[in-house]
Amino acid sequence: MVPFAGGAALSAFTFLGGWIVQQMRAEKAVITLEYRRATGWDPKWADGKTDPARDVASVSDHVLKVATKCRLRSWRLETNDTMTDVDETAWLRTDADALSDKSFNCIMSFVSPPYVRLFRESQR
């Protein structure tokens, strides 16, 4: 019986090891909410459109508002607020697998192109 148990353990270990490696190599889906203000040199993309978050102090304030209102469990916030001569932009990224349907629908309610857009991205 010992050789059979050893073979079964080795088989299980090989399967589990392969599965772990596959999971580590798999791409992760990320949902990105982008809010951009027309503050750069040539903001023609915003002509005739009303900024839905014109009253907030900064682009990061708006995406943080979205994160808290939609009750995201975890997120990353990136901005380009240190750059000059470009449109102020903030990106709110969250793991797609950790996003409930209710939270996703909440995020979608804030989408207002061309100012606020939603992307699905893959990251390793």
C-alpha atoms as a PDB file:
ATOM      1  CA  MET A   1       0.000   0.000   0.000  1.00  0.00           C
ATOM      2  CA  VAL A   2       2.865   2.381   0.620  1.00  0.00           C
ATOM      3  CA  PRO A   3       3.921   2.606  -3.061  1.00  0.00           C
ATOM      4  CA  PHE A   4       0.310   3.362  -4.037  1.00  0.00           C
ATOM      5  CA  ALA A   5       0.007   6.124  -1.405  1.00  0.00           C
ATOM      6  CA  GLY A   6       3.356   7.567  -2.481  1.00  0.00           C
ATOM      7  CA  GLY A   7       2.295   7.555  -6.135  1.00  0.00           C
ATOM      8  CA  ALA A   8      -1.033   9.197  -5.312  1.00  0.00           C
ATOM      9  CA  ALA A   9       0.713  11.865  -3.236  1.00  0.00           C
ATOM     10  CA  LEU A  10       3.228  12.523  -6.022  1.00  0.00           C
ATOM     11  CA  SER A  11       0.412  12.767  -8.575  1.00  0.00           C
ATOM     12  CA  ALA A  12      -1.553  15.200  -6.384  1.00  0.00           C
ATOM     13  CA  PHE A  13       1.577  17.280  -5.754  1.00  0.00           C
ATOM     14  CA  THR A  14       2.338  17.443  -9.491  1.00  0.00           C
ATOM     15  CA  PHE A  15      -1.223  18.484 -10.317  1.00  0.00           C
ATOM     16  CA  LEU A  16      -1.319  21.106  -7.567  1.00  0.00           C
ATOM     17  CA  GLY A  17       2.104  22.464  -8.540  1.00  0.00           C
ATOM     18  CA  GLY A  18       1.019  22.835 -12.168  1.00  0.00           C
ATOM     19  CA  TRP A  19      -2.189  24.562 -11.117  1.00  0.00           C
ATOM     20  CA  ILE A  20      -0.271  27.023  -8.912  1.00  0.00           C
ATOM     21  CA  VAL A  21       2.139  27.886 -11.735  1.00  0.00           C
ATOM     22  CA  GLN A  22      -0.800  28.360 -14.125  1.00  0.00           C
ATOM     23  CA  GLN A  23      -2.527  30.719 -11.665  1.00  0.00           C
ATOM     24  CA  MET A  24       0.646  32.741 -11.194  1.00  0.00           C
ATOM     25  CA  ARG A  25       1.020  33.165 -14.967  1.00  0.00           C
ATOM     26  CA  ALA A  26      -2.645  33.997 -15.603  1.00  0.00           C
ATOM     27  CA  GLU A  27      -3.566  37.534 -16.495  1.00  0.00           C
ATOM     28  CA  LYS A  28      -5.669  39.384 -13.966  1.00  0.00           C
ATOM     29  CA  ALA A  29      -8.617  41.464 -15.145  1.00  0.00           C
ATOM     30  CA  VAL A  30      -8.681  45.013 -13.819  1.00  0.00           C
ATOM     31  CA  ILE A  31     -11.511  47.521 -14.130  1.00  0.00           C
ATOM     32  CA  THR A  32     -10.226  51.084 -14.591  1.00  0.00           C
ATOM     33  CA  LEU A  33     -12.337  54.193 -14.169  1.00  0.00           C
ATOM     34  CA  GLU A  34     -10.658  57.199 -15.763  1.00  0.00           C
ATOM     35  CA  TYR A  35     -11.656  60.783 -15.053  1.00  0.00           C
ATOM     36  CA  ARG A  36     -10.027  63.442 -17.218  1.00  0.00           C
ATOM     37  CA  ARG A  37     -10.374  67.217 -17.057  1.00  0.00           C
ATOM     38  CA  ALA A  38      -9.750  69.464 -20.035  1.00  0.00           C
ATOM     39  CA  THR A  39      -6.792  71.389 -18.614  1.00  0.00           C
ATOM     40  CA  GLY A  40      -4.128  70.622 -21.215  1.00  0.00           C
ATOM     41  CA  TRP A  41      -2.939  72.662 -24.158  1.00  0.00           C
ATOM     42  CA  ASP A  42      -5.537  71.545 -26.667  1.00  0.00           C
ATOM     43  CA  PRO A  43      -8.698  70.207 -24.977  1.00  0.00           C
ATOM     44  CA  LYS A  44     -10.810  70.005 -28.160  1.00  0.00           C
ATOM     45  CA  TRP A  45     -12.111  66.591 -27.098  1.00  0.00           C
ATOM     46  CA  ALA A  46     -14.291  68.355 -24.502  1.00  0.00           C
ATOM     47  CA  ASP A  47     -15.869  70.951 -26.829  1.00  0.00           C
ATOM     48  CA  GLY A  48     -19.546  71.426 -26.053  1.00  0.00           C
ATOM     49  CA  LYS A  49     -19.635  68.772 -23.350  1.00  0.00           C
ATOM     50  CA  THR A  50     -20.306  69.507 -19.668  1.00  0.00           C
ATOM     51  CA  ASP A  51     -17.873  68.129 -17.096  1.00  0.00           C
ATOM     52  CA  PRO A  52     -19.960  65.954 -14.722  1.00  0.00           C
ATOM     53  CA  ALA A  53     -17.586  66.611 -11.818  1.00  0.00           C
ATOM     54  CA  ARG A  54     -16.765  70.275 -12.401  1.00  0.00           C
ATOM     55  CA  ASP A  55     -17.471  71.112  -8.730  1.00  0.00           C
ATOM     56  CA  VAL A  56     -14.847  68.804  -7.172  1.00  0.00           C
ATOM     57  CA  ALA A  57     -11.491  70.236  -6.184  1.00  0.00           C
ATOM     58  CA  SER A  58      -9.357  67.647  -7.984  1.00  0.00           C
ATOM     59  CA  VAL A  59      -9.654  64.694 -10.325  1.00  0.00           C
ATOM     60  CA  SER A  60      -8.594  62.328  -7.553  1.00  0.00           C
ATOM     61  CA  ASP A  61     -11.416  63.612  -5.317  1.00  0.00           C
ATOM     62  CA  HIS A  62     -13.957  62.520  -7.913  1.00  0.00           C
ATOM     63  CA  VAL A  63     -12.668  58.969  -8.321  1.00  0.00           C
ATOM     64  CA  LEU A  64     -12.311  58.604  -4.537  1.00  0.00           C
ATOM     65  CA  LYS A  65     -15.959  59.624  -4.257  1.00  0.00           C
ATOM     66  CA  VAL A  66     -16.828  56.849  -6.715  1.00  0.00           C
ATOM     67  CA  ALA A  67     -14.777  54.294  -4.746  1.00  0.00           C
ATOM     68  CA  THR A  68     -16.478  55.113  -1.452  1.00  0.00           C
ATOM     69  CA  LYS A  69     -20.001  55.485  -2.838  1.00  0.00           C
ATOM     70  CA  CYS A  70     -19.721  52.171  -4.712  1.00  0.00           C
ATOM     71  CA  ARG A  71     -18.185  50.481  -1.644  1.00  0.00           C
ATOM     72  CA  LEU A  72     -15.147  49.063  -3.392  1.00  0.00           C
ATOM     73  CA  ARG A  73     -13.212  46.692  -1.148  1.00  0.00           C
ATOM     74  CA  SER A  74      -9.842  47.625  -2.581  1.00  0.00           C
ATOM     75  CA  TRP A  75      -8.550  49.945  -5.264  1.00  0.00           C
ATOM     76  CA  ARG A  76      -5.496  51.785  -6.526  1.00  0.00           C
ATOM     77  CA  LEU A  77      -5.515  55.455  -7.385  1.00  0.00           C
ATOM     78  CA  GLU A  78      -3.084  56.986  -9.856  1.00  0.00           C
ATOM     79  CA  THR A  79      -2.951  60.562 -11.092  1.00  0.00           C
ATOM     80  CA  ASN A  80      -0.820  62.678 -13.367  1.00  0.00           C
ATOM     81  CA  ASP A  81      -1.150  65.736 -11.139  1.00  0.00           C
ATOM     82  CA  THR A  82       2.601  66.340 -11.121  1.00  0.00           C
ATOM     83  CA  MET A  83       2.724  66.763 -14.893  1.00  0.00           C
ATOM     84  CA  THR A  84       2.197  70.067 -16.640  1.00  0.00           C
ATOM     85  CA  ASP A  85       0.561  70.957 -19.958  1.00  0.00           C
ATOM     86  CA  VAL A  86      -1.583  67.801 -20.000  1.00  0.00           C
ATOM     87  CA  ASP A  87      -5.173  67.099 -19.082  1.00  0.00           C
ATOM     88  CA  GLU A  88      -5.492  66.323 -15.371  1.00  0.00           C
ATOM     89  CA  THR A  89      -6.365  62.637 -15.137  1.00  0.00           C
ATOM     90  CA  ALA A  90      -7.027  60.145 -12.344  1.00  0.00           C
ATOM     91  CA  TRP A  91      -7.304  56.389 -12.739  1.00  0.00           C
ATOM     92  CA  LEU A  92      -9.155  54.241 -10.223  1.00  0.00           C
ATOM     93  CA  ARG A  93      -8.238  50.563 -10.647  1.00  0.00           C
ATOM     94  CA  THR A  94      -9.890  47.611  -8.948  1.00  0.00           C
ATOM     95  CA  ASP A  95      -9.655  43.848  -9.391  1.00  0.00           C
ATOM     96  CA  ALA A  96     -12.522  42.669 -11.598  1.00  0.00           C
ATOM     97  CA  ASP A  97     -12.838  39.363  -9.709  1.00  0.00           C
ATOM     98  CA  ALA A  98     -13.443  41.191  -6.408  1.00  0.00           C
ATOM     99  CA  LEU A  99     -16.110  43.470  -7.885  1.00  0.00           C
ATOM    100  CA  SER A 100     -19.737  42.656  -7.116  1.00  0.00           C
ATOM    101  CA  ASP A 101     -22.483  43.269  -9.667  1.00  0.00           C
ATOM    102  CA  LYS A 102     -23.900  46.011  -7.453  1.00  0.00           C
ATOM    103  CA  SER A 103     -20.537  47.806  -7.254  1.00  0.00           C
ATOM    104  CA  PHE A 104     -19.995  47.458 -11.005  1.00  0.00           C
ATOM    105  CA  ASN A 105     -23.418  48.938 -11.744  1.00  0.00           C
ATOM    106  CA  CYS A 106     -22.669  51.784  -9.340  1.00  0.00           C
ATOM    107  CA  ILE A 107     -19.385  52.531 -11.128  1.00  0.00           C
ATOM    108  CA  MET A 108     -21.201  52.450 -14.470  1.00  0.00           C
ATOM    109  CA  SER A 109     -23.592  55.134 -13.223  1.00  0.00           C
ATOM    110  CA  PHE A 110     -20.643  57.560 -13.070  1.00  0.00           C
ATOM    111  CA  VAL A 111     -19.463  56.919 -16.643  1.00  0.00           C
ATOM    112  CA  SER A 112     -19.925  60.047 -18.755  1.00  0.00           C
ATOM    113  CA  PRO A 113     -17.767  60.106 -21.900  1.00  0.00           C
ATOM    114  CA  PRO A 114     -15.537  61.823 -22.807  1.00  0.00           C
ATOM    115  CA  TYR A 115     -14.776  62.888 -19.209  1.00  0.00           C
ATOM    116  CA  VAL A 116     -15.362  59.651 -17.300  1.00  0.00           C
ATOM    117  CA  ARG A 117     -14.638  56.388 -19.079  1.00  0.00           C
ATOM    118  CA  LEU A 118     -14.453  52.745 -18.008  1.00  0.00           C
ATOM    119  CA  PHE A 119     -11.933  50.183 -19.257  1.00  0.00           C
ATOM    120  CA  ARG A 120     -11.247  46.524 -18.679  1.00  0.00           C
ATOM    121  CA  GLU A 121      -7.516  45.842 -18.688  1.00  0.00           C
ATOM    122  CA  SER A 122      -5.333  42.789 -18.230  1.00  0.00           C
ATOM    123  CA  GLN A 123      -2.339  42.805 -15.928  1.00  0.00           C
ATOM    124  CA  ARG A 124       0.188  40.138 -15.065  1.00  0.00           C
END
